[in-house]
């Protein structure tokens, strides 16, 4: 039999969570044609996978690569760690839809995350139809914050009937176009201004289209348990799949709460509710610096916020609020030393240092340093926040019900996305799980780790013919040395692909990575959900 690619002698982990088995795989026309230990035949490409793990392409369930794929379509940092599919448009932030006259509003809002994006008025369908060819398969979400901005700006109130109707129309248009679902960022303005009734109303539309709801919950710190319960309640009221994204119990006062949340999720699953969560395997997250400030600071929009924080009286009030309540969504931290600068035009010489260290060097109060940077950078300052317990991370990493997502962008070691000192998870999430938690710490078996990156994720997303190595399934395959597939990216040197010279990645039957080098191929296909709920 003739094949395009044959993978010989590899240890096959099929994505189901079962232990690996020796097998050969034959690929033709973008699909897995045959799997058999004695498979033979001719092929244009023969890959000797002896001593290597052969797994489904990793599915990164939680990313913001819509901010970078238009300028980095080869998705270097993701495919080099075995990712073939990314779900984008999370936390309520999506690049579309953009209605007439609202382009600058969204550009200003997302400047800290997507400074290079050419924002244009567009429907969600047009956005999907005109998305560039990429090396990964993007699945797209419609962001609530974006829709709310389009419908009512940064107003701190409930929407009128007409405004909610406008949001509903935008959501339906995107879901009709094939978007995988609806995302919220309920800690970030203006999403934080929405009550549960508003979200429930929109999630009823999600149900109508057999779609999914992805939530950055309302508070991952001091109200984390209540916020998880809000997500569970929506799953029950609307009878939809709810994904709690990048779950964390953030801030010193909340360490240890991950166990309770896992119990809540398992109880909901036992009741028949469709709910999952995912995590990134790090004790730090990253965000625009402005999002750490009290939510009242943001009322009225970006320009108003910048003008507001220039006032000494406002800064005194912010300082009092942080001392009392901690940082919004991140909780109480030991000090400003837990907040590290990622990027800033104003403080470019200090990138990689903590806000406390910068303030000390400049002879300033840390809050003044932060507010001065935000003012000069027009809100574009980004930081890394160390706020999570390693014990909680380990508990989630080994849990069978916690999926894996990077919450990272696809970036590259050169070009426009090579700037600042971003989070090492952009290059390191999947090899960190396999190299550190599986191989070094023996925290979980390799087959379970792979399942949480592939088959379990495909099941949660209702992806058709994806996430498993099965005959008739899409030929998305990651091949790696389980003993030499380790994260090399660090907080001070984040632009480092993982170790392993034999890593090979196939997407839709084409070689994207061969022996740890990008081939330049861009065979990715945009995932679109059909009305029966399946996405392909």
Protein backbone atom coordinates (compact mmCIF):
# COMPACT_ATOMS: atom_id res chain seq x y z
CA UNK A 1 0.00 0.00 0.00
CA UNK A 2 1.22 3.51 -0.79
CA UNK A 3 1.20 6.22 1.88
CA UNK A 4 2.33 9.82 2.10
CA UNK A 5 4.02 9.20 5.47
CA UNK A 6 4.79 6.08 7.46
CA UNK A 7 5.82 6.35 11.12
CA UNK A 8 7.70 3.19 12.10
CA UNK A 9 8.57 1.59 15.43
CA UNK A 10 7.14 4.28 17.71
CA UNK A 11 5.51 3.84 21.11
CA UNK A 12 1.95 4.89 20.30
CA UNK A 13 -0.06 6.79 22.93
CA UNK A 14 -3.44 7.08 21.27
CA UNK A 15 -4.90 9.89 23.41
CA UNK A 16 -7.28 7.66 25.36
CA UNK A 17 -5.16 7.46 28.50
CA UNK A 18 -4.22 3.83 27.85
CA UNK A 19 -0.56 2.82 28.15
CA UNK A 20 1.56 3.05 25.02
CA UNK A 21 2.01 0.20 22.55
CA UNK A 22 4.41 -0.37 19.68
CA UNK A 23 2.80 0.37 16.32
CA UNK A 24 3.38 1.80 12.86
CA UNK A 25 1.12 4.47 11.38
CA UNK A 26 0.32 5.05 7.72
CA UNK A 27 -0.87 8.53 6.69
CA UNK A 28 -2.49 9.46 3.39
CA UNK A 29 -4.35 12.58 2.18
CA UNK A 30 -4.23 14.23 5.60
CA UNK A 31 -5.75 11.32 7.53
CA UNK A 32 -4.54 8.25 9.42
CA UNK A 33 -5.10 5.40 6.99
CA UNK A 34 -3.76 2.49 8.99
CA UNK A 35 -2.31 1.60 12.40
CA UNK A 36 -0.66 -1.79 12.83
CA UNK A 37 2.52 -3.14 14.37
CA UNK A 38 3.25 -5.06 11.17
CA UNK A 39 2.22 -2.29 8.78
CA UNK A 40 4.35 -2.12 5.66
CA UNK A 41 4.17 -0.18 2.42
CA UNK A 42 5.79 2.52 0.36
CA UNK A 43 5.76 6.14 1.44
CA UNK A 44 7.17 9.44 0.29
CA UNK A 45 8.36 10.07 3.86
CA UNK A 46 9.48 7.39 6.31
CA UNK A 47 9.97 8.38 9.94
CA UNK A 48 11.89 6.09 12.26
CA UNK A 49 10.31 6.68 15.68
CA UNK A 50 12.20 3.98 17.55
CA UNK A 51 12.62 5.05 21.18
CA UNK A 52 10.12 7.89 20.72
CA UNK A 53 6.57 8.55 21.88
CA UNK A 54 3.99 9.00 19.11
CA UNK A 55 0.94 10.97 20.28
CA UNK A 56 -1.93 12.95 18.81
CA UNK A 57 -1.01 16.56 18.12
CA UNK A 58 -1.41 18.50 21.36
CA UNK A 59 -4.51 20.68 21.63
CA UNK A 60 -3.88 23.94 23.47
CA UNK A 61 -7.35 24.61 24.82
CA UNK A 62 -6.59 28.07 26.18
CA UNK A 63 -4.56 30.62 24.20
CA UNK A 64 -4.53 34.21 22.97
CA UNK A 65 -2.75 33.49 19.70
CA UNK A 66 -5.34 35.49 17.78
CA UNK A 67 -3.15 38.38 18.93
CA UNK A 68 -0.07 36.97 17.18
CA UNK A 69 -1.04 34.52 14.41
CA UNK A 70 -1.69 37.31 11.86
CA UNK A 71 1.95 38.40 12.23
CA UNK A 72 3.45 35.01 13.14
CA UNK A 73 1.43 32.47 11.11
CA UNK A 74 4.10 29.78 11.53
CA UNK A 75 3.15 29.65 15.25
CA UNK A 76 6.73 28.74 16.14
CA UNK A 77 6.51 28.55 19.92
CA UNK A 78 3.49 26.25 19.76
CA UNK A 79 4.39 23.76 17.03
CA UNK A 80 7.92 23.35 18.42
CA UNK A 81 6.33 22.01 21.61
CA UNK A 82 4.00 19.66 19.73
CA UNK A 83 0.84 21.78 19.49
CA UNK A 84 -1.23 21.36 16.33
CA UNK A 85 -4.50 23.01 17.46
CA UNK A 86 -5.18 26.17 19.46
CA UNK A 87 -8.41 27.61 20.81
CA UNK A 88 -8.24 31.41 20.54
CA UNK A 89 -10.41 34.38 21.52
CA UNK A 90 -10.47 33.68 25.25
CA UNK A 91 -11.21 35.77 28.35
CA UNK A 92 -13.78 37.86 26.48
CA UNK A 93 -11.08 39.27 24.17
CA UNK A 94 -11.59 38.61 20.47
CA UNK A 95 -10.41 40.59 17.44
CA UNK A 96 -13.93 40.46 16.00
CA UNK A 97 -16.62 41.56 15.59
CA UNK A 98 -15.83 45.24 15.12
CA UNK A 99 -18.79 47.41 14.26
CA UNK A 100 -18.80 50.69 12.37
CA UNK A 101 -16.86 53.45 14.09
CA UNK A 102 -15.57 51.22 16.93
CA UNK A 103 -12.16 50.24 15.55
CA UNK A 104 -10.15 52.65 17.72
CA UNK A 105 -12.12 51.65 20.80
CA UNK A 106 -11.06 48.01 20.47
CA UNK A 107 -7.51 48.90 19.42
CA UNK A 108 -7.03 51.03 22.54
CA UNK A 109 -8.59 48.33 24.69
CA UNK A 110 -6.24 45.58 23.43
CA UNK A 111 -3.10 47.66 22.98
CA UNK A 112 -1.25 45.84 25.78
CA UNK A 113 -1.89 42.48 24.14
CA UNK A 114 -2.00 43.08 20.40
CA UNK A 115 -0.08 46.27 19.51
CA UNK A 116 0.72 45.04 15.99
CA UNK A 117 -2.79 43.99 14.92
CA UNK A 118 -4.38 45.92 12.06
CA UNK A 119 -7.86 46.33 13.52
CA UNK A 120 -10.61 46.71 10.91
CA UNK A 121 -14.38 46.83 10.92
CA UNK A 122 -15.51 43.24 10.35
CA UNK A 123 -18.19 40.69 11.04
CA UNK A 124 -17.07 37.49 12.73
CA UNK A 125 -17.67 35.53 9.52
CA UNK A 126 -15.47 37.87 7.50
CA UNK A 127 -12.82 37.67 10.21
CA UNK A 128 -12.81 33.86 10.01
CA UNK A 129 -12.94 33.80 6.22
CA UNK A 130 -9.98 36.15 5.89
CA UNK A 131 -7.79 34.67 8.59
CA UNK A 132 -4.30 33.86 7.25
CA UNK A 133 -3.04 30.36 6.57
CA UNK A 134 -1.17 29.11 9.63
CA UNK A 135 0.82 26.13 10.86
CA UNK A 136 -1.78 25.25 13.51
CA UNK A 137 -5.53 24.65 13.45
CA UNK A 138 -7.26 27.63 15.10
CA UNK A 139 -10.63 27.22 16.79
CA UNK A 140 -12.19 30.63 17.42
CA UNK A 141 -14.30 32.07 20.24
CA UNK A 142 -16.44 35.22 20.32
CA UNK A 143 -15.43 37.47 23.19
CA UNK A 144 -18.00 39.02 25.51
CA UNK A 145 -15.80 42.01 26.39
CA UNK A 146 -15.43 42.78 22.69
CA UNK A 147 -19.18 42.49 22.08
CA UNK A 148 -19.97 44.64 25.11
CA UNK A 149 -17.55 47.31 23.91
CA UNK A 150 -19.27 47.31 20.54
CA UNK A 151 -22.74 47.50 22.10
CA UNK A 152 -22.23 49.89 25.02
CA UNK A 153 -18.59 50.86 25.47
CA UNK A 154 -17.19 50.86 29.00
CA UNK A 155 -20.48 51.66 30.71
CA UNK A 156 -20.66 50.32 34.27
CA UNK A 157 -24.29 49.17 34.22
CA UNK A 158 -26.63 46.51 32.93
CA UNK A 159 -27.36 46.66 29.19
CA UNK A 160 -30.63 48.01 27.89
CA UNK A 161 -32.87 45.63 25.96
CA UNK A 162 -31.52 47.05 22.71
CA UNK A 163 -27.90 46.70 23.81
CA UNK A 164 -28.42 43.09 24.92
CA UNK A 165 -30.16 42.50 21.60
CA UNK A 166 -27.13 43.89 19.78
CA UNK A 167 -24.83 41.54 21.70
CA UNK A 168 -27.15 38.63 20.93
CA UNK A 169 -27.07 39.45 17.22
CA UNK A 170 -23.26 39.56 17.21
CA UNK A 171 -23.07 36.27 19.09
CA UNK A 172 -25.50 34.55 16.73
CA UNK A 173 -23.66 35.86 13.69
CA UNK A 174 -20.37 34.42 14.97
CA UNK A 175 -21.86 31.09 15.96
CA UNK A 176 -23.56 30.81 12.58
CA UNK A 177 -20.16 31.40 10.98
CA UNK A 178 -18.76 28.40 12.85
CA UNK A 179 -17.16 29.89 15.97
CA UNK A 180 -16.56 27.18 18.56
CA UNK A 181 -18.15 29.16 21.35
CA UNK A 182 -18.46 32.20 23.56
CA UNK A 183 -15.86 33.48 26.03
CA UNK A 184 -16.02 35.82 28.98
CA UNK A 185 -13.48 37.58 31.16
CA UNK A 186 -15.59 38.39 34.17
CA UNK A 187 -12.79 39.96 36.16
CA UNK A 188 -11.81 42.43 33.44
CA UNK A 189 -13.79 45.55 32.62
CA UNK A 190 -16.23 45.80 30.92
CA UNK A 191 -16.99 42.09 31.40
CA UNK A 192 -16.87 42.55 35.15
CA UNK A 193 -19.82 44.97 34.87
CA UNK A 194 -22.04 42.11 33.60
CA UNK A 195 -24.17 40.27 36.13
CA UNK A 196 -25.01 36.57 35.95
CA UNK A 197 -28.36 37.27 34.28
CA UNK A 198 -26.60 38.92 31.33
CA UNK A 199 -24.24 35.98 30.91
CA UNK A 200 -27.06 33.46 31.30
CA UNK A 201 -29.08 35.22 28.62
CA UNK A 202 -26.18 35.00 26.18
CA UNK A 203 -25.43 31.39 27.15
CA UNK A 204 -28.97 30.45 26.15
CA UNK A 205 -27.89 31.43 22.64
CA UNK A 206 -24.85 29.19 23.08
CA UNK A 207 -27.25 26.32 23.87
CA UNK A 208 -29.31 27.08 20.76
CA UNK A 209 -26.22 26.49 18.60
CA UNK A 210 -24.92 23.41 20.47
CA UNK A 211 -21.86 25.43 21.34
CA UNK A 212 -19.61 25.92 24.39
CA UNK A 213 -19.00 28.60 26.99
CA UNK A 214 -15.44 29.41 28.14
CA UNK A 215 -15.09 31.52 31.27
CA UNK A 216 -12.26 33.37 32.91
CA UNK A 217 -14.26 33.32 36.12
CA UNK A 218 -15.23 36.46 37.99
CA UNK A 219 -12.52 36.21 40.63
CA UNK A 220 -9.64 33.76 40.84
CA UNK A 221 -8.55 35.05 44.24
CA UNK A 222 -10.64 35.95 47.29
CA UNK A 223 -13.98 34.93 45.74
CA UNK A 224 -12.70 31.96 43.77
CA UNK A 225 -15.14 29.41 45.22
CA UNK A 226 -18.17 31.63 44.58
CA UNK A 227 -16.91 32.31 41.07
CA UNK A 228 -16.52 28.61 40.28
CA UNK A 229 -20.05 28.08 41.59
CA UNK A 230 -21.34 30.79 39.24
CA UNK A 231 -19.85 28.85 36.30
CA UNK A 232 -21.38 25.61 37.54
CA UNK A 233 -24.77 27.30 37.90
CA UNK A 234 -24.62 28.49 34.28
CA UNK A 235 -23.80 24.96 33.11
CA UNK A 236 -26.89 23.73 34.93
CA UNK A 237 -29.28 26.55 33.96
CA UNK A 238 -28.35 26.55 30.28
CA UNK A 239 -27.48 22.87 29.80
CA UNK A 240 -24.24 23.70 28.00
CA UNK A 241 -20.61 22.72 28.27
CA UNK A 242 -18.73 25.22 30.43
CA UNK A 243 -14.93 25.41 30.41
CA UNK A 244 -13.33 27.20 33.37
CA UNK A 245 -10.12 28.42 31.79
CA UNK A 246 -6.63 28.72 33.31
CA UNK A 247 -8.00 27.90 36.76
CA UNK A 248 -5.95 29.12 39.70
CA UNK A 249 -6.44 29.91 43.38
CA UNK A 250 -4.48 33.14 43.38
CA UNK A 251 -3.05 35.07 46.31
CA UNK A 252 -1.66 33.97 49.66
CA UNK A 253 -5.09 33.79 51.29
CA UNK A 254 -6.37 31.29 48.71
CA UNK A 255 -3.62 28.73 48.49
CA UNK A 256 -5.00 25.24 49.06
CA UNK A 257 -8.43 25.94 47.57
CA UNK A 258 -7.71 23.94 44.41
CA UNK A 259 -8.72 20.75 46.22
CA UNK A 260 -12.15 22.16 47.04
CA UNK A 261 -12.64 23.31 43.45
CA UNK A 262 -11.79 19.87 42.07
CA UNK A 263 -14.37 18.41 44.45
CA UNK A 264 -16.96 20.95 43.23
CA UNK A 265 -16.24 20.10 39.59
CA UNK A 266 -16.39 16.36 40.20
CA UNK A 267 -19.70 16.71 42.07
CA UNK A 268 -21.11 18.72 39.15
CA UNK A 269 -19.92 16.05 36.71
CA UNK A 270 -21.54 13.36 38.86
CA UNK A 271 -24.83 15.25 38.49
CA UNK A 272 -24.46 15.06 34.71
CA UNK A 273 -23.31 18.65 34.16
CA UNK A 274 -20.91 19.32 31.32
CA UNK A 275 -18.09 21.26 32.94
CA UNK A 276 -14.29 21.15 32.78
CA UNK A 277 -11.33 23.24 33.80
CA UNK A 278 -7.79 23.67 32.56
CA UNK A 279 -4.56 25.07 33.93
CA UNK A 280 -1.07 26.17 32.99
CA UNK A 281 1.65 24.44 35.06
CA UNK A 282 3.26 27.53 36.58
CA UNK A 283 3.07 29.55 39.79
CA UNK A 284 2.90 32.82 37.86
CA UNK A 285 0.50 34.29 35.35
CA UNK A 286 0.70 37.35 33.13
CA UNK A 287 -1.59 40.28 32.41
CA UNK A 288 -1.67 43.90 31.36
CA UNK A 289 -0.57 45.81 34.46
CA UNK A 290 -3.70 47.94 34.39
CA UNK A 291 -5.87 44.88 35.10
CA UNK A 292 -4.34 44.51 38.56
CA UNK A 293 -5.76 47.87 39.65
CA UNK A 294 -9.21 48.16 41.27
CA UNK A 295 -12.03 47.87 38.76
CA UNK A 296 -13.39 51.33 39.54
CA UNK A 297 -10.19 52.77 38.04
CA UNK A 298 -11.25 51.59 34.55
CA UNK A 299 -14.72 53.13 34.42
CA UNK A 300 -15.17 55.37 31.38
CA UNK A 301 -12.50 53.77 29.21
CA UNK A 302 -8.78 53.84 28.60
CA UNK A 303 -8.22 57.60 28.23
CA UNK A 304 -10.25 58.31 31.36
CA UNK A 305 -8.32 55.68 33.32
CA UNK A 306 -4.96 57.14 32.28
CA UNK A 307 -6.02 60.64 33.25
CA UNK A 308 -7.43 59.33 36.54
CA UNK A 309 -4.25 57.55 37.69
CA UNK A 310 -2.17 60.69 37.24
CA UNK A 311 -3.88 62.15 40.33
CA UNK A 312 -2.11 61.78 43.69
CA UNK A 313 -5.49 61.51 45.40
CA UNK A 314 -6.58 58.66 43.14
CA UNK A 315 -3.26 56.91 43.71
CA UNK A 316 -3.78 57.17 47.46
CA UNK A 317 -7.20 55.55 47.06
CA UNK A 318 -5.74 52.79 44.83
CA UNK A 319 -3.02 52.14 47.41
CA UNK A 320 -5.61 51.86 50.17
CA UNK A 321 -7.73 49.49 48.08
CA UNK A 322 -4.77 47.22 47.27
CA UNK A 323 -3.64 47.16 50.92
CA UNK A 324 -7.15 46.12 51.95
CA UNK A 325 -8.25 43.77 49.14
CA UNK A 326 -5.08 42.77 47.28
CA UNK A 327 -4.67 43.04 43.53
CA UNK A 328 -7.77 42.55 41.38
CA UNK A 329 -8.08 38.86 40.44
CA UNK A 330 -4.63 38.12 41.85
CA UNK A 331 -5.23 38.62 45.57
CA UNK A 332 -2.82 39.47 48.34
CA UNK A 333 0.84 39.12 47.34
CA UNK A 334 3.93 39.34 49.56
CA UNK A 335 4.86 42.65 47.92
CA UNK A 336 5.33 44.40 44.58
CA UNK A 337 8.40 42.18 44.27
CA UNK A 338 5.99 39.45 43.06
CA UNK A 339 5.18 41.52 39.96
CA UNK A 340 7.78 41.41 37.17
CA UNK A 341 7.91 43.75 34.19
CA UNK A 342 7.37 42.03 30.79
CA UNK A 343 7.23 45.01 28.45
CA UNK A 344 7.12 48.79 28.69
CA UNK A 345 8.33 51.59 26.45
CA UNK A 346 8.64 53.91 29.47
CA UNK A 347 10.61 51.42 31.59
CA UNK A 348 12.28 49.46 28.80
CA UNK A 349 15.64 49.44 30.59
CA UNK A 350 14.06 47.57 33.51
CA UNK A 351 12.28 44.74 31.66
CA UNK A 352 12.68 41.49 33.60
CA UNK A 353 12.90 43.23 36.99
CA UNK A 354 10.17 43.44 39.62
CA UNK A 355 8.15 46.59 40.16
CA UNK A 356 9.59 46.80 43.68
CA UNK A 357 13.17 46.56 42.42
CA UNK A 358 12.48 49.20 39.77
CA UNK A 359 10.89 51.51 42.32
CA UNK A 360 13.83 51.11 44.67
CA UNK A 361 16.30 51.92 41.90
CA UNK A 362 14.29 55.01 40.98
CA UNK A 363 13.68 56.07 44.57
CA UNK A 364 9.87 55.84 44.18
CA UNK A 365 6.86 54.20 45.74
CA UNK A 366 6.00 51.04 43.73
CA UNK A 367 2.46 52.19 42.98
CA UNK A 368 3.80 55.47 41.59
CA UNK A 369 6.20 53.48 39.40
CA UNK A 370 3.31 51.36 38.13
CA UNK A 371 0.99 54.31 37.49
CA UNK A 372 3.70 56.35 35.80
CA UNK A 373 4.45 53.45 33.46
CA UNK A 374 0.77 52.94 32.63
CA UNK A 375 0.37 56.64 31.97
CA UNK A 376 3.44 56.89 29.72
CA UNK A 377 2.72 53.58 27.96
CA UNK A 378 -0.94 54.55 27.40
CA UNK A 379 -2.04 51.42 29.25
CA UNK A 380 0.19 49.00 27.29
CA UNK A 381 2.46 47.88 30.17
CA UNK A 382 2.52 44.10 30.76
CA UNK A 383 3.69 42.15 33.81
CA UNK A 384 4.14 38.64 35.20
CA UNK A 385 2.54 37.96 38.59
CA UNK A 386 3.81 35.28 40.99
CA UNK A 387 0.68 34.40 42.95
CA UNK A 388 0.00 30.64 42.80
CA UNK A 389 0.93 27.76 45.12
CA UNK A 390 3.13 25.02 43.64
CA UNK A 391 1.19 22.50 45.73
CA UNK A 392 -2.03 23.59 43.99
CA UNK A 393 -0.32 23.36 40.59
CA UNK A 394 0.82 19.80 41.30
CA UNK A 395 -2.63 18.78 42.50
CA UNK A 396 -4.17 20.02 39.24
CA UNK A 397 -1.44 18.63 37.00
CA UNK A 398 -2.04 15.09 38.28
CA UNK A 399 -5.84 15.35 38.39
CA UNK A 400 -7.57 13.37 35.61
CA UNK A 401 -10.23 16.10 35.27
CA UNK A 402 -7.92 19.10 34.79
CA UNK A 403 -6.94 19.72 31.15
CA UNK A 404 -3.81 21.49 29.91
CA UNK A 405 -3.73 24.93 28.30
CA UNK A 406 -0.88 27.41 28.01
CA UNK A 407 -2.79 30.71 28.16
CA UNK A 408 0.06 31.77 25.89
CA UNK A 409 0.56 33.34 22.49
CA UNK A 410 2.42 31.78 19.59
CA UNK A 411 5.61 33.80 19.35
CA UNK A 412 8.98 33.38 17.63
CA UNK A 413 12.67 33.76 18.38
CA UNK A 414 12.90 36.60 15.85
CA UNK A 415 10.61 39.12 14.21
CA UNK A 416 7.85 41.31 15.56
CA UNK A 417 6.75 38.96 18.36
CA UNK A 418 10.28 38.73 19.76
CA UNK A 419 10.07 41.50 22.33
CA UNK A 420 10.21 41.98 26.09
CA UNK A 421 10.41 39.01 28.43
CA UNK A 422 7.10 37.18 28.13
CA UNK A 423 5.98 34.22 30.23
CA UNK A 424 8.00 31.02 29.64
CA UNK A 425 4.72 29.14 29.15
CA UNK A 426 4.60 30.51 25.59
CA UNK A 427 7.39 28.07 24.67
CA UNK A 428 7.30 25.70 27.62
CA UNK A 429 3.86 24.51 28.77
CA UNK A 430 3.67 21.05 27.21
CA UNK A 431 7.32 20.04 27.66
CA UNK A 432 7.12 21.29 31.25
CA UNK A 433 4.33 18.82 31.93
CA UNK A 434 6.13 15.93 30.21
CA UNK A 435 9.72 16.74 31.15
CA UNK A 436 9.24 18.02 34.70
CA UNK A 437 6.03 16.61 36.14
CA UNK A 438 6.02 13.26 34.31
CA UNK A 439 9.70 12.39 33.80
CA UNK A 440 11.40 14.11 36.73
CA UNK A 441 8.76 14.17 39.49
CA UNK A 442 6.81 11.04 38.41
CA UNK A 443 3.66 12.92 39.38
CA UNK A 444 1.54 11.22 36.72
CA UNK A 445 2.07 8.65 33.96
CA UNK A 446 2.86 9.82 30.45
CA UNK A 447 -0.34 8.31 29.02
CA UNK A 448 -2.49 10.39 31.40
CA UNK A 449 -0.54 13.57 30.65
CA UNK A 450 -1.02 13.01 26.91
CA UNK A 451 -4.73 12.24 27.41
CA UNK A 452 -5.19 15.58 29.20
CA UNK A 453 -3.54 17.34 26.24
CA UNK A 454 -5.35 15.47 23.47
CA UNK A 455 -8.29 13.06 23.74
CA UNK A 456 -9.83 14.54 26.87
CA UNK A 457 -9.58 18.02 25.34
CA UNK A 458 -11.10 16.88 22.03
CA UNK A 459 -13.99 15.31 23.94
CA UNK A 460 -14.58 18.48 25.96
CA UNK A 461 -14.58 20.57 22.79
CA UNK A 462 -16.63 18.06 20.78
CA UNK A 463 -14.00 17.96 18.05
CA UNK A 464 -14.68 15.53 15.23
CA UNK A 465 -11.94 13.06 14.21
CA UNK A 466 -9.35 14.82 16.36
CA UNK A 467 -7.46 14.22 19.59
CA UNK A 468 -6.86 10.48 19.08
CA UNK A 469 -4.64 8.30 16.94
CA UNK A 470 -7.29 6.24 15.18
CA UNK A 471 -7.84 5.12 11.64
CA UNK A 472 -9.96 7.71 9.82
CA UNK A 473 -8.89 10.52 12.14
CA UNK A 474 -7.00 13.61 11.07
CA UNK A 475 -3.26 13.09 10.83
CA UNK A 476 -2.24 15.51 13.58
CA UNK A 477 0.70 13.77 15.24
CA UNK A 478 3.45 14.74 17.67
CA UNK A 479 6.58 12.59 17.97
CA UNK A 480 9.06 13.24 20.79
CA UNK A 481 11.59 11.67 23.10
CA UNK A 482 9.84 11.41 26.49
CA UNK A 483 13.25 11.43 28.21
CA UNK A 484 14.46 14.51 26.38
CA UNK A 485 11.49 16.81 25.91
CA UNK A 486 12.06 19.44 28.54
CA UNK A 487 11.21 23.08 28.99
CA UNK A 488 14.23 25.33 28.47
CA UNK A 489 12.37 28.66 28.57
CA UNK A 490 12.77 30.66 31.79
CA UNK A 491 11.38 33.91 33.13
CA UNK A 492 14.64 35.67 32.28
CA UNK A 493 15.22 33.86 28.98
CA UNK A 494 11.77 32.90 27.66
CA UNK A 495 12.58 32.56 23.94
CA UNK A 496 13.84 28.99 24.21
CA UNK A 497 12.23 26.03 22.41
CA UNK A 498 12.21 22.73 24.32
CA UNK A 499 15.02 20.22 24.27
CA UNK A 500 14.95 17.18 22.00
CA UNK A 501 16.52 17.02 18.54
CA UNK A 502 14.13 14.36 17.20
CA UNK A 503 10.82 16.14 17.81
CA UNK A 504 8.60 15.90 14.74
CA UNK A 505 5.12 17.37 14.29
CA UNK A 506 2.62 16.52 11.56
CA UNK A 507 -0.49 18.62 11.02
CA UNK A 508 -3.18 17.54 8.56
CA UNK A 509 -0.74 15.05 7.09
CA UNK A 510 2.08 17.54 6.45
CA UNK A 511 5.41 17.86 8.23
CA UNK A 512 5.45 21.13 10.16
CA UNK A 513 8.39 20.28 12.44
CA UNK A 514 11.09 17.83 11.40
CA UNK A 515 13.85 16.95 13.85
CA UNK A 516 13.00 19.99 16.00
CA UNK A 517 13.13 22.42 13.07
CA UNK A 518 10.17 24.22 11.56
CA UNK A 519 9.65 23.27 7.92
CA UNK A 520 7.76 26.48 7.11
CA UNK A 521 4.63 24.54 6.21
CA UNK A 522 1.28 26.15 7.02
CA UNK A 523 -1.31 23.37 6.59
CA UNK A 524 -3.57 24.50 9.43
CA UNK A 525 -7.35 24.47 8.97
CA UNK A 526 -9.75 26.72 10.85
CA UNK A 527 -12.10 24.63 12.96
CA UNK A 528 -15.78 25.38 12.44
CA UNK A 529 -18.63 24.09 14.55
CA UNK A 530 -21.65 22.79 12.69
CA UNK A 531 -25.21 23.00 13.97
CA UNK A 532 -25.01 19.44 15.32
CA UNK A 533 -22.35 20.63 17.75
CA UNK A 534 -19.37 18.87 16.18
CA UNK A 535 -16.36 20.90 15.12
CA UNK A 536 -13.94 20.03 12.34
